[in-house]
């Protein structure tokens, strides 16, 4: 993948929106995960494209912890002057508030939605030593070997955790959850065989799948992916309607000026629709999902309700 190329965007200078550029201020795009993960790579592509579109400057700032929730808490407390921007994965916005008692933000009140950015579809992978090549074979193996398998995630309350819990519940598999601080260590232990299964993004799994270090057995999107057109979805393998997909959205702190929100939203929507950015998104395993502010606001509220119900039904608790 183009990880090395896009990692170079981390300190690309961009200047904030014109109303905020006075006094040489620099805007931050805050990301709640370590460098090198899917959301980080996408955020750097967006930062570079916004620089070209607006002729201004930002810095991508990684604030990992608690599945992205720590970054959201910091942005929620930031001055609503447009100098702090958030690109968040879905988990911290619509899962963590239902999992943790101590999140320091209110998803529906602490932020101004700007727009949807893209989707990071999840894929189900196993260590090649595991004698399974399909989801039904994994289910059969797990049931024949109860409590002998473990699965990694990029952290408690992340989509790779919660979606896998949903899959286990749907299939009846009993597999031990092992959380990590980000996907890099998770993938290392999966490749080493310390854990055997993972449901994680294309961005972090694809290099290892293509190198033969991991075996791909299913994709979590509702339709087959352009990256792996021959691999059936989880839905196709006996679980209609099952979806494991990590969407990304851009937000500002609540109270940001409406003109700032609208100008940033228009620029974001334009760049995500551009062929050049779409090509870069696909290169890092991301499906472009442009939207208006109103569309993203409605989507965010619907997802918050949906996952609240799903987590209540599953009984998952992170603390």
C-alpha atoms as a PDB file:
ATOM      1  CA  UNK A   1       0.000   0.000   0.000  1.00  0.00           C
ATOM      2  CA  UNK A   2       0.976   3.624  -0.138  1.00  0.00           C
ATOM      3  CA  UNK A   3       1.537   3.920   3.594  1.00  0.00           C
ATOM      4  CA  UNK A   4       5.030   5.406   3.334  1.00  0.00           C
ATOM      5  CA  UNK A   5       3.845   7.999   0.840  1.00  0.00           C
ATOM      6  CA  UNK A   6       0.902   9.162   2.908  1.00  0.00           C
ATOM      7  CA  UNK A   7       2.752   9.051   6.235  1.00  0.00           C
ATOM      8  CA  UNK A   8       4.832  11.866   4.823  1.00  0.00           C
ATOM      9  CA  UNK A   9       1.774  14.077   4.951  1.00  0.00           C
ATOM     10  CA  UNK A  10       1.770  14.127   8.774  1.00  0.00           C
ATOM     11  CA  UNK A  11       3.408  17.478   9.157  1.00  0.00           C
ATOM     12  CA  UNK A  12       2.150  19.022   5.952  1.00  0.00           C
ATOM     13  CA  UNK A  13       1.529  22.647   6.759  1.00  0.00           C
ATOM     14  CA  UNK A  14      -1.904  23.971   6.061  1.00  0.00           C
ATOM     15  CA  UNK A  15      -3.442  27.246   7.226  1.00  0.00           C
ATOM     16  CA  UNK A  16      -6.904  27.402   8.738  1.00  0.00           C
ATOM     17  CA  UNK A  17     -10.016  28.896   7.278  1.00  0.00           C
ATOM     18  CA  UNK A  18      -9.635  32.555   6.327  1.00  0.00           C
ATOM     19  CA  UNK A  19     -11.633  33.861   9.259  1.00  0.00           C
ATOM     20  CA  UNK A  20      -9.213  31.999  11.521  1.00  0.00           C
ATOM     21  CA  UNK A  21      -5.926  32.713   9.814  1.00  0.00           C
ATOM     22  CA  UNK A  22      -5.391  36.017  11.529  1.00  0.00           C
ATOM     23  CA  UNK A  23      -2.255  36.163  13.644  1.00  0.00           C
ATOM     24  CA  UNK A  24      -0.675  33.149  11.878  1.00  0.00           C
ATOM     25  CA  UNK A  25      -2.799  30.546  13.649  1.00  0.00           C
ATOM     26  CA  UNK A  26      -2.511  26.935  12.524  1.00  0.00           C
ATOM     27  CA  UNK A  27      -5.492  24.602  12.584  1.00  0.00           C
ATOM     28  CA  UNK A  28      -5.212  21.049  13.878  1.00  0.00           C
ATOM     29  CA  UNK A  29      -6.950  18.002  12.455  1.00  0.00           C
ATOM     30  CA  UNK A  30      -7.170  15.779  15.525  1.00  0.00           C
ATOM     31  CA  UNK A  31      -7.211  12.004  15.022  1.00  0.00           C
ATOM     32  CA  UNK A  32      -7.849   9.618  17.909  1.00  0.00           C
ATOM     33  CA  UNK A  33      -5.562   6.825  16.692  1.00  0.00           C
ATOM     34  CA  UNK A  34      -1.833   6.298  16.141  1.00  0.00           C
ATOM     35  CA  UNK A  35      -0.077   7.183  12.908  1.00  0.00           C
ATOM     36  CA  UNK A  36      -0.300   4.554  10.192  1.00  0.00           C
ATOM     37  CA  UNK A  37      -3.849   3.371  10.849  1.00  0.00           C
ATOM     38  CA  UNK A  38      -6.574   3.732   8.247  1.00  0.00           C
ATOM     39  CA  UNK A  39      -8.153   6.859   9.737  1.00  0.00           C
ATOM     40  CA  UNK A  40      -4.726   8.477  10.045  1.00  0.00           C
ATOM     41  CA  UNK A  41      -3.861   7.788   6.406  1.00  0.00           C
ATOM     42  CA  UNK A  42      -7.217   9.165   5.240  1.00  0.00           C
ATOM     43  CA  UNK A  43      -6.859  12.261   7.421  1.00  0.00           C
ATOM     44  CA  UNK A  44      -3.499  13.056   5.831  1.00  0.00           C
ATOM     45  CA  UNK A  45      -4.984  12.732   2.359  1.00  0.00           C
ATOM     46  CA  UNK A  46      -7.804  15.089   3.388  1.00  0.00           C
ATOM     47  CA  UNK A  47      -5.352  17.572   4.927  1.00  0.00           C
ATOM     48  CA  UNK A  48      -3.294  17.714   1.740  1.00  0.00           C
ATOM     49  CA  UNK A  49      -6.375  18.082  -0.442  1.00  0.00           C
ATOM     50  CA  UNK A  50      -7.823  20.848   1.740  1.00  0.00           C
ATOM     51  CA  UNK A  51      -4.545  22.715   1.444  1.00  0.00           C
ATOM     52  CA  UNK A  52      -4.815  22.563  -2.329  1.00  0.00           C
ATOM     53  CA  UNK A  53      -8.514  23.467  -2.323  1.00  0.00           C
ATOM     54  CA  UNK A  54      -8.412  26.345   0.183  1.00  0.00           C
ATOM     55  CA  UNK A  55      -4.802  27.474  -0.178  1.00  0.00           C
ATOM     56  CA  UNK A  56      -4.435  27.287   3.596  1.00  0.00           C
ATOM     57  CA  UNK A  57      -2.770  25.139   6.287  1.00  0.00           C
ATOM     58  CA  UNK A  58      -3.452  22.382   8.936  1.00  0.00           C
ATOM     59  CA  UNK A  59      -1.456  19.881  10.977  1.00  0.00           C
ATOM     60  CA  UNK A  60      -2.646  16.327  11.609  1.00  0.00           C
ATOM     61  CA  UNK A  61      -2.333  15.588  15.318  1.00  0.00           C
ATOM     62  CA  UNK A  62      -2.619  12.044  16.682  1.00  0.00           C
ATOM     63  CA  UNK A  63      -4.234  11.715  20.129  1.00  0.00           C
ATOM     64  CA  UNK A  64      -4.754   7.954  20.625  1.00  0.00           C
ATOM     65  CA  UNK A  65      -6.521   6.369  23.577  1.00  0.00           C
ATOM     66  CA  UNK A  66      -9.788   4.732  24.605  1.00  0.00           C
ATOM     67  CA  UNK A  67     -10.746   3.875  21.046  1.00  0.00           C
ATOM     68  CA  UNK A  68     -10.594   7.510  19.958  1.00  0.00           C
ATOM     69  CA  UNK A  69     -12.672   8.840  22.853  1.00  0.00           C
ATOM     70  CA  UNK A  70      -9.837  10.799  24.450  1.00  0.00           C
ATOM     71  CA  UNK A  71      -9.407  12.847  21.270  1.00  0.00           C
ATOM     72  CA  UNK A  72     -13.144  13.589  21.153  1.00  0.00           C
ATOM     73  CA  UNK A  73     -13.062  14.820  24.737  1.00  0.00           C
ATOM     74  CA  UNK A  74     -10.217  17.180  23.928  1.00  0.00           C
ATOM     75  CA  UNK A  75     -11.904  18.547  20.822  1.00  0.00           C
ATOM     76  CA  UNK A  76     -15.184  19.004  22.697  1.00  0.00           C
ATOM     77  CA  UNK A  77     -13.346  21.325  25.112  1.00  0.00           C
ATOM     78  CA  UNK A  78     -11.448  23.219  22.394  1.00  0.00           C
ATOM     79  CA  UNK A  79     -12.295  26.797  21.445  1.00  0.00           C
ATOM     80  CA  UNK A  80     -15.009  26.793  18.757  1.00  0.00           C
ATOM     81  CA  UNK A  81     -13.028  29.084  16.477  1.00  0.00           C
ATOM     82  CA  UNK A  82     -12.307  26.561  13.727  1.00  0.00           C
ATOM     83  CA  UNK A  83      -8.663  26.097  14.713  1.00  0.00           C
ATOM     84  CA  UNK A  84      -9.394  22.573  15.966  1.00  0.00           C
ATOM     85  CA  UNK A  85     -11.016  20.064  13.607  1.00  0.00           C
ATOM     86  CA  UNK A  86     -11.855  16.450  14.312  1.00  0.00           C
ATOM     87  CA  UNK A  87     -11.853  13.489  11.974  1.00  0.00           C
ATOM     88  CA  UNK A  88     -13.357  10.631  13.945  1.00  0.00           C
ATOM     89  CA  UNK A  89     -14.111   7.008  13.329  1.00  0.00           C
ATOM     90  CA  UNK A  90     -17.624   5.876  14.139  1.00  0.00           C
ATOM     91  CA  UNK A  91     -16.734   3.944  17.299  1.00  0.00           C
ATOM     92  CA  UNK A  92     -15.862   6.932  19.460  1.00  0.00           C
ATOM     93  CA  UNK A  93     -18.913   8.849  18.275  1.00  0.00           C
ATOM     94  CA  UNK A  94     -21.670   6.236  18.346  1.00  0.00           C
ATOM     95  CA  UNK A  95     -20.323   3.263  20.322  1.00  0.00           C
ATOM     96  CA  UNK A  96     -18.144   4.558  23.154  1.00  0.00           C
ATOM     97  CA  UNK A  97     -20.887   6.697  24.791  1.00  0.00           C
ATOM     98  CA  UNK A  98     -22.932   3.514  25.210  1.00  0.00           C
ATOM     99  CA  UNK A  99     -19.943   1.512  26.474  1.00  0.00           C
ATOM    100  CA  UNK A 100     -18.091   3.879  28.821  1.00  0.00           C
ATOM    101  CA  UNK A 101     -19.558   5.725  31.785  1.00  0.00           C
ATOM    102  CA  UNK A 102     -16.812   8.348  31.788  1.00  0.00           C
ATOM    103  CA  UNK A 103     -16.699   9.809  28.257  1.00  0.00           C
ATOM    104  CA  UNK A 104     -16.225  13.557  28.528  1.00  0.00           C
ATOM    105  CA  UNK A 105     -18.407  14.606  25.592  1.00  0.00           C
ATOM    106  CA  UNK A 106     -21.941  14.321  24.304  1.00  0.00           C
ATOM    107  CA  UNK A 107     -21.865  13.157  20.693  1.00  0.00           C
ATOM    108  CA  UNK A 108     -25.080  14.950  19.787  1.00  0.00           C
ATOM    109  CA  UNK A 109     -24.343  18.198  21.665  1.00  0.00           C
ATOM    110  CA  UNK A 110     -20.567  18.688  21.846  1.00  0.00           C
ATOM    111  CA  UNK A 111     -19.854  18.947  18.116  1.00  0.00           C
ATOM    112  CA  UNK A 112     -20.920  20.608  14.873  1.00  0.00           C
ATOM    113  CA  UNK A 113     -21.122  17.935  12.147  1.00  0.00           C
ATOM    114  CA  UNK A 114     -19.266  18.976   8.990  1.00  0.00           C
ATOM    115  CA  UNK A 115     -19.500  15.996   6.657  1.00  0.00           C
ATOM    116  CA  UNK A 116     -18.936  12.326   6.091  1.00  0.00           C
ATOM    117  CA  UNK A 117     -15.514  11.435   4.739  1.00  0.00           C
ATOM    118  CA  UNK A 118     -15.346   7.743   3.850  1.00  0.00           C
ATOM    119  CA  UNK A 119     -15.892   4.162   4.897  1.00  0.00           C
ATOM    120  CA  UNK A 120     -13.205   1.787   6.116  1.00  0.00           C
ATOM    121  CA  UNK A 121     -14.698  -1.648   5.416  1.00  0.00           C
ATOM    122  CA  UNK A 122     -13.639  -4.379   7.806  1.00  0.00           C
ATOM    123  CA  UNK A 123     -12.432  -7.792   6.696  1.00  0.00           C
ATOM    124  CA  UNK A 124     -12.240 -11.073   8.595  1.00  0.00           C
ATOM    125  CA  UNK A 125      -8.733 -12.521   8.613  1.00  0.00           C
ATOM    126  CA  UNK A 126      -7.052 -15.456  10.320  1.00  0.00           C
ATOM    127  CA  UNK A 127      -3.525 -16.633  10.924  1.00  0.00           C
ATOM    128  CA  UNK A 128      -2.651 -18.968   8.023  1.00  0.00           C
ATOM    129  CA  UNK A 129      -1.945 -21.812  10.471  1.00  0.00           C
ATOM    130  CA  UNK A 130      -5.657 -21.973  11.270  1.00  0.00           C
ATOM    131  CA  UNK A 131      -7.243 -24.681   9.058  1.00  0.00           C
ATOM    132  CA  UNK A 132     -10.147 -22.550   7.816  1.00  0.00           C
ATOM    133  CA  UNK A 133     -10.792 -20.748   4.527  1.00  0.00           C
ATOM    134  CA  UNK A 134     -14.411 -19.605   4.945  1.00  0.00           C
ATOM    135  CA  UNK A 135     -16.604 -18.187   7.689  1.00  0.00           C
ATOM    136  CA  UNK A 136     -18.628 -21.434   8.054  1.00  0.00           C
ATOM    137  CA  UNK A 137     -15.344 -23.314   8.503  1.00  0.00           C
ATOM    138  CA  UNK A 138     -14.243 -20.842  11.193  1.00  0.00           C
ATOM    139  CA  UNK A 139     -17.571 -21.230  12.993  1.00  0.00           C
ATOM    140  CA  UNK A 140     -17.281 -25.019  12.882  1.00  0.00           C
ATOM    141  CA  UNK A 141     -13.671 -24.910  14.108  1.00  0.00           C
ATOM    142  CA  UNK A 142     -14.489 -22.508  16.943  1.00  0.00           C
ATOM    143  CA  UNK A 143     -17.385 -24.697  18.106  1.00  0.00           C
ATOM    144  CA  UNK A 144     -15.252 -27.840  17.938  1.00  0.00           C
ATOM    145  CA  UNK A 145     -12.486 -26.093  19.891  1.00  0.00           C
ATOM    146  CA  UNK A 146     -14.343 -23.972  22.470  1.00  0.00           C
ATOM    147  CA  UNK A 147     -12.345 -21.268  24.238  1.00  0.00           C
ATOM    148  CA  UNK A 148      -9.161 -22.096  22.306  1.00  0.00           C
ATOM    149  CA  UNK A 149      -9.285 -19.175  19.895  1.00  0.00           C
ATOM    150  CA  UNK A 150      -8.643 -15.494  20.539  1.00  0.00           C
ATOM    151  CA  UNK A 151      -9.231 -12.418  18.401  1.00  0.00           C
ATOM    152  CA  UNK A 152      -7.447  -9.094  18.444  1.00  0.00           C
ATOM    153  CA  UNK A 153      -8.871  -5.601  18.148  1.00  0.00           C
ATOM    154  CA  UNK A 154      -7.428  -2.101  17.929  1.00  0.00           C
ATOM    155  CA  UNK A 155      -8.820  -1.401  21.425  1.00  0.00           C
ATOM    156  CA  UNK A 156     -11.841  -1.682  23.672  1.00  0.00           C
ATOM    157  CA  UNK A 157     -14.959  -0.047  22.194  1.00  0.00           C
ATOM    158  CA  UNK A 158     -13.419   0.277  18.719  1.00  0.00           C
ATOM    159  CA  UNK A 159     -15.415  -0.945  15.751  1.00  0.00           C
ATOM    160  CA  UNK A 160     -13.068  -3.921  15.352  1.00  0.00           C
ATOM    161  CA  UNK A 161     -14.051  -4.930  18.899  1.00  0.00           C
ATOM    162  CA  UNK A 162     -17.774  -4.250  18.824  1.00  0.00           C
ATOM    163  CA  UNK A 163     -18.348  -5.609  15.307  1.00  0.00           C
ATOM    164  CA  UNK A 164     -16.548  -8.827  16.215  1.00  0.00           C
ATOM    165  CA  UNK A 165     -18.685  -9.159  19.333  1.00  0.00           C
ATOM    166  CA  UNK A 166     -21.748  -8.792  17.091  1.00  0.00           C
ATOM    167  CA  UNK A 167     -20.384 -11.471  14.758  1.00  0.00           C
ATOM    168  CA  UNK A 168     -19.720 -13.839  17.662  1.00  0.00           C
ATOM    169  CA  UNK A 169     -23.219 -13.276  18.937  1.00  0.00           C
ATOM    170  CA  UNK A 170     -24.727 -13.891  15.502  1.00  0.00           C
ATOM    171  CA  UNK A 171     -22.718 -17.052  14.875  1.00  0.00           C
ATOM    172  CA  UNK A 172     -22.545 -18.518  18.368  1.00  0.00           C
ATOM    173  CA  UNK A 173     -18.740 -18.571  18.344  1.00  0.00           C
ATOM    174  CA  UNK A 174     -16.838 -18.294  21.613  1.00  0.00           C
ATOM    175  CA  UNK A 175     -13.564 -16.494  20.952  1.00  0.00           C
ATOM    176  CA  UNK A 176     -11.583 -14.557  23.571  1.00  0.00           C
ATOM    177  CA  UNK A 177     -11.170 -10.822  22.924  1.00  0.00           C
ATOM    178  CA  UNK A 178      -7.643  -9.382  23.258  1.00  0.00           C
ATOM    179  CA  UNK A 179      -7.562  -5.559  22.921  1.00  0.00           C
ATOM    180  CA  UNK A 180      -4.494  -3.635  21.755  1.00  0.00           C
ATOM    181  CA  UNK A 181      -3.508   0.020  21.591  1.00  0.00           C
ATOM    182  CA  UNK A 182      -4.003   0.407  17.868  1.00  0.00           C
ATOM    183  CA  UNK A 183      -3.910  -2.031  14.972  1.00  0.00           C
ATOM    184  CA  UNK A 184      -0.143  -2.252  14.422  1.00  0.00           C
ATOM    185  CA  UNK A 185       0.552  -4.401  17.497  1.00  0.00           C
ATOM    186  CA  UNK A 186      -2.695  -6.261  16.920  1.00  0.00           C
ATOM    187  CA  UNK A 187      -1.535  -7.281  13.439  1.00  0.00           C
ATOM    188  CA  UNK A 188       1.939  -8.229  14.704  1.00  0.00           C
ATOM    189  CA  UNK A 189       0.491 -10.632  17.260  1.00  0.00           C
ATOM    190  CA  UNK A 190      -1.975 -12.049  14.744  1.00  0.00           C
ATOM    191  CA  UNK A 191       0.834 -12.736  12.279  1.00  0.00           C
ATOM    192  CA  UNK A 192       2.904 -14.293  15.082  1.00  0.00           C
ATOM    193  CA  UNK A 193       0.008 -16.566  16.035  1.00  0.00           C
ATOM    194  CA  UNK A 194      -0.430 -15.138  19.539  1.00  0.00           C
ATOM    195  CA  UNK A 195      -4.037 -14.465  18.487  1.00  0.00           C
ATOM    196  CA  UNK A 196      -5.717 -16.262  15.618  1.00  0.00           C
ATOM    197  CA  UNK A 197      -8.554 -14.088  14.291  1.00  0.00           C
ATOM    198  CA  UNK A 198      -9.276 -10.400  13.631  1.00  0.00           C
ATOM    199  CA  UNK A 199     -11.953  -8.244  12.060  1.00  0.00           C
ATOM    200  CA  UNK A 200     -10.108  -5.085  11.028  1.00  0.00           C
ATOM    201  CA  UNK A 201      -9.842  -2.557   8.227  1.00  0.00           C
ATOM    202  CA  UNK A 202      -8.578  -3.143   4.711  1.00  0.00           C
ATOM    203  CA  UNK A 203      -6.010  -0.417   5.342  1.00  0.00           C
ATOM    204  CA  UNK A 204      -4.148  -2.408   8.004  1.00  0.00           C
ATOM    205  CA  UNK A 205      -4.766  -5.966   6.777  1.00  0.00           C
ATOM    206  CA  UNK A 206      -4.273  -5.677   3.023  1.00  0.00           C
ATOM    207  CA  UNK A 207      -0.423  -5.655   2.949  1.00  0.00           C
ATOM    208  CA  UNK A 208      -0.361  -8.800   5.108  1.00  0.00           C
ATOM    209  CA  UNK A 209      -3.071 -10.530   3.061  1.00  0.00           C
ATOM    210  CA  UNK A 210      -1.215  -9.833  -0.174  1.00  0.00           C
ATOM    211  CA  UNK A 211       2.078 -11.045   1.356  1.00  0.00           C
ATOM    212  CA  UNK A 212       0.468 -14.267   2.585  1.00  0.00           C
ATOM    213  CA  UNK A 213       0.989 -13.449   6.252  1.00  0.00           C
ATOM    214  CA  UNK A 214      -2.790 -13.442   6.851  1.00  0.00           C
ATOM    215  CA  UNK A 215      -5.633 -15.367   5.223  1.00  0.00           C
ATOM    216  CA  UNK A 216      -8.736 -13.442   4.182  1.00  0.00           C
ATOM    217  CA  UNK A 217     -11.972 -15.407   4.679  1.00  0.00           C
ATOM    218  CA  UNK A 218     -14.752 -12.779   4.465  1.00  0.00           C
ATOM    219  CA  UNK A 219     -15.428  -9.072   3.987  1.00  0.00           C
ATOM    220  CA  UNK A 220     -17.703  -7.081   6.278  1.00  0.00           C
ATOM    221  CA  UNK A 221     -19.274  -4.768   3.717  1.00  0.00           C
ATOM    222  CA  UNK A 222     -22.729  -5.542   2.333  1.00  0.00           C
ATOM    223  CA  UNK A 223     -21.278  -5.826  -1.177  1.00  0.00           C
ATOM    224  CA  UNK A 224     -18.018  -7.356  -2.331  1.00  0.00           C
ATOM    225  CA  UNK A 225     -15.052  -4.999  -2.276  1.00  0.00           C
ATOM    226  CA  UNK A 226     -13.070  -3.767  -5.287  1.00  0.00           C
ATOM    227  CA  UNK A 227      -9.909  -4.672  -3.338  1.00  0.00           C
ATOM    228  CA  UNK A 228     -10.961  -8.331  -2.977  1.00  0.00           C
ATOM    229  CA  UNK A 229     -13.641  -9.022  -5.607  1.00  0.00           C
ATOM    230  CA  UNK A 230     -13.439 -12.815  -5.239  1.00  0.00           C
ATOM    231  CA  UNK A 231     -13.962 -12.849  -1.464  1.00  0.00           C
ATOM    232  CA  UNK A 232     -17.585 -13.297  -0.345  1.00  0.00           C
ATOM    233  CA  UNK A 233     -19.159 -11.052   2.257  1.00  0.00           C
ATOM    234  CA  UNK A 234     -20.157 -12.198   5.721  1.00  0.00           C
ATOM    235  CA  UNK A 235     -23.748 -11.706   4.583  1.00  0.00           C
ATOM    236  CA  UNK A 236     -23.210 -14.059   1.644  1.00  0.00           C
ATOM    237  CA  UNK A 237     -21.794 -16.720   3.945  1.00  0.00           C
ATOM    238  CA  UNK A 238     -24.998 -17.215   5.886  1.00  0.00           C
ATOM    239  CA  UNK A 239     -25.685 -13.957   7.738  1.00  0.00           C
ATOM    240  CA  UNK A 240     -27.871 -11.707   5.557  1.00  0.00           C
ATOM    241  CA  UNK A 241     -27.729  -8.037   6.467  1.00  0.00           C
ATOM    242  CA  UNK A 242     -24.594  -8.332   8.613  1.00  0.00           C
ATOM    243  CA  UNK A 243     -22.313  -5.336   8.090  1.00  0.00           C
ATOM    244  CA  UNK A 244     -18.960  -4.423   9.614  1.00  0.00           C
ATOM    245  CA  UNK A 245     -17.871  -1.050   8.364  1.00  0.00           C
ATOM    246  CA  UNK A 246     -16.049   1.839  10.057  1.00  0.00           C
ATOM    247  CA  UNK A 247     -17.222   5.170   8.681  1.00  0.00           C
ATOM    248  CA  UNK A 248     -15.302   8.411   9.185  1.00  0.00           C
ATOM    249  CA  UNK A 249     -16.715  11.886   9.738  1.00  0.00           C
ATOM    250  CA  UNK A 250     -15.437  15.439  10.194  1.00  0.00           C
ATOM    251  CA  UNK A 251     -16.694  17.642  13.048  1.00  0.00           C
ATOM    252  CA  UNK A 252     -15.930  20.951  14.778  1.00  0.00           C
ATOM    253  CA  UNK A 253     -16.477  21.882  18.434  1.00  0.00           C
ATOM    254  CA  UNK A 254     -20.034  22.968  19.225  1.00  0.00           C
ATOM    255  CA  UNK A 255     -20.540  26.694  18.729  1.00  0.00           C
ATOM    256  CA  UNK A 256     -18.263  27.019  15.704  1.00  0.00           C
ATOM    257  CA  UNK A 257     -19.492  29.850  13.444  1.00  0.00           C
ATOM    258  CA  UNK A 258     -21.981  28.663  10.851  1.00  0.00           C
ATOM    259  CA  UNK A 259     -19.996  30.210   8.016  1.00  0.00           C
ATOM    260  CA  UNK A 260     -16.915  28.255   9.128  1.00  0.00           C
ATOM    261  CA  UNK A 261     -18.869  24.981   9.195  1.00  0.00           C
ATOM    262  CA  UNK A 262     -20.392  25.613   5.776  1.00  0.00           C
ATOM    263  CA  UNK A 263     -17.161  26.644   4.111  1.00  0.00           C
ATOM    264  CA  UNK A 264     -15.257  23.660   5.472  1.00  0.00           C
ATOM    265  CA  UNK A 265     -18.156  21.344   4.561  1.00  0.00           C
ATOM    266  CA  UNK A 266     -18.237  22.607   0.981  1.00  0.00           C
ATOM    267  CA  UNK A 267     -14.493  22.094   0.603  1.00  0.00           C
ATOM    268  CA  UNK A 268     -14.641  18.610   2.143  1.00  0.00           C
ATOM    269  CA  UNK A 269     -17.550  17.543  -0.050  1.00  0.00           C
ATOM    270  CA  UNK A 270     -15.751  18.791  -3.160  1.00  0.00           C
ATOM    271  CA  UNK A 271     -12.455  17.050  -2.463  1.00  0.00           C
ATOM    272  CA  UNK A 272     -14.058  13.730  -1.496  1.00  0.00           C
ATOM    273  CA  UNK A 273     -15.890  13.782  -4.843  1.00  0.00           C
ATOM    274  CA  UNK A 274     -12.709  14.517  -6.801  1.00  0.00           C
ATOM    275  CA  UNK A 275     -11.231  11.613  -8.811  1.00  0.00           C
ATOM    276  CA  UNK A 276      -7.735  12.305  -7.481  1.00  0.00           C
ATOM    277  CA  UNK A 277      -8.765  12.006  -3.831  1.00  0.00           C
ATOM    278  CA  UNK A 278     -11.006   9.035  -4.533  1.00  0.00           C
ATOM    279  CA  UNK A 279      -8.068   7.228  -6.127  1.00  0.00           C
ATOM    280  CA  UNK A 280      -5.920   7.928  -3.057  1.00  0.00           C
ATOM    281  CA  UNK A 281      -8.709   6.761  -0.725  1.00  0.00           C
ATOM    282  CA  UNK A 282      -9.036   3.473  -2.609  1.00  0.00           C
ATOM    283  CA  UNK A 283      -5.268   2.989  -2.442  1.00  0.00           C
ATOM    284  CA  UNK A 284      -5.470   2.945   1.367  1.00  0.00           C
ATOM    285  CA  UNK A 285      -8.564   0.739   1.529  1.00  0.00           C
ATOM    286  CA  UNK A 286     -11.175   3.467   1.933  1.00  0.00           C
ATOM    287  CA  UNK A 287     -14.453   3.951   0.071  1.00  0.00           C
ATOM    288  CA  UNK A 288     -15.215   7.683  -0.513  1.00  0.00           C
ATOM    289  CA  UNK A 289     -18.538   8.810   1.011  1.00  0.00           C
ATOM    290  CA  UNK A 290     -19.172  12.503   0.296  1.00  0.00           C
ATOM    291  CA  UNK A 291     -22.149  14.165   1.969  1.00  0.00           C
ATOM    292  CA  UNK A 292     -23.689  17.475   2.886  1.00  0.00           C
ATOM    293  CA  UNK A 293     -23.669  18.689   6.477  1.00  0.00           C
ATOM    294  CA  UNK A 294     -27.390  17.971   6.842  1.00  0.00           C
ATOM    295  CA  UNK A 295     -26.964  14.447   5.471  1.00  0.00           C
ATOM    296  CA  UNK A 296     -24.108  13.707   7.856  1.00  0.00           C
ATOM    297  CA  UNK A 297     -26.006  15.166  10.829  1.00  0.00           C
ATOM    298  CA  UNK A 298     -28.999  12.898  10.123  1.00  0.00           C
ATOM    299  CA  UNK A 299     -26.727   9.895   9.522  1.00  0.00           C
ATOM    300  CA  UNK A 300     -24.817  10.514  12.768  1.00  0.00           C
ATOM    301  CA  UNK A 301     -28.021  10.644  14.822  1.00  0.00           C
ATOM    302  CA  UNK A 302     -29.386   7.491  13.216  1.00  0.00           C
ATOM    303  CA  UNK A 303     -26.112   5.622  13.832  1.00  0.00           C
ATOM    304  CA  UNK A 304     -26.025   6.790  17.458  1.00  0.00           C
ATOM    305  CA  UNK A 305     -29.466   5.298  18.040  1.00  0.00           C
ATOM    306  CA  UNK A 306     -28.729   2.129  16.073  1.00  0.00           C
ATOM    307  CA  UNK A 307     -25.546   1.259  17.930  1.00  0.00           C
ATOM    308  CA  UNK A 308     -27.015   2.180  21.302  1.00  0.00           C
ATOM    309  CA  UNK A 309     -29.667  -0.475  20.756  1.00  0.00           C
ATOM    310  CA  UNK A 310     -27.163  -3.016  19.419  1.00  0.00           C
ATOM    311  CA  UNK A 311     -24.769  -2.570  22.345  1.00  0.00           C
ATOM    312  CA  UNK A 312     -27.609  -2.791  24.881  1.00  0.00           C
ATOM    313  CA  UNK A 313     -28.731  -6.040  23.263  1.00  0.00           C
ATOM    314  CA  UNK A 314     -25.201  -7.490  23.253  1.00  0.00           C
ATOM    315  CA  UNK A 315     -24.479  -6.728  26.910  1.00  0.00           C
ATOM    316  CA  UNK A 316     -20.943  -5.489  26.074  1.00  0.00           C
ATOM    317  CA  UNK A 317     -19.384  -3.161  28.637  1.00  0.00           C
ATOM    318  CA  UNK A 318     -15.912  -1.658  28.389  1.00  0.00           C
ATOM    319  CA  UNK A 319     -15.671  -0.399  31.969  1.00  0.00           C
END
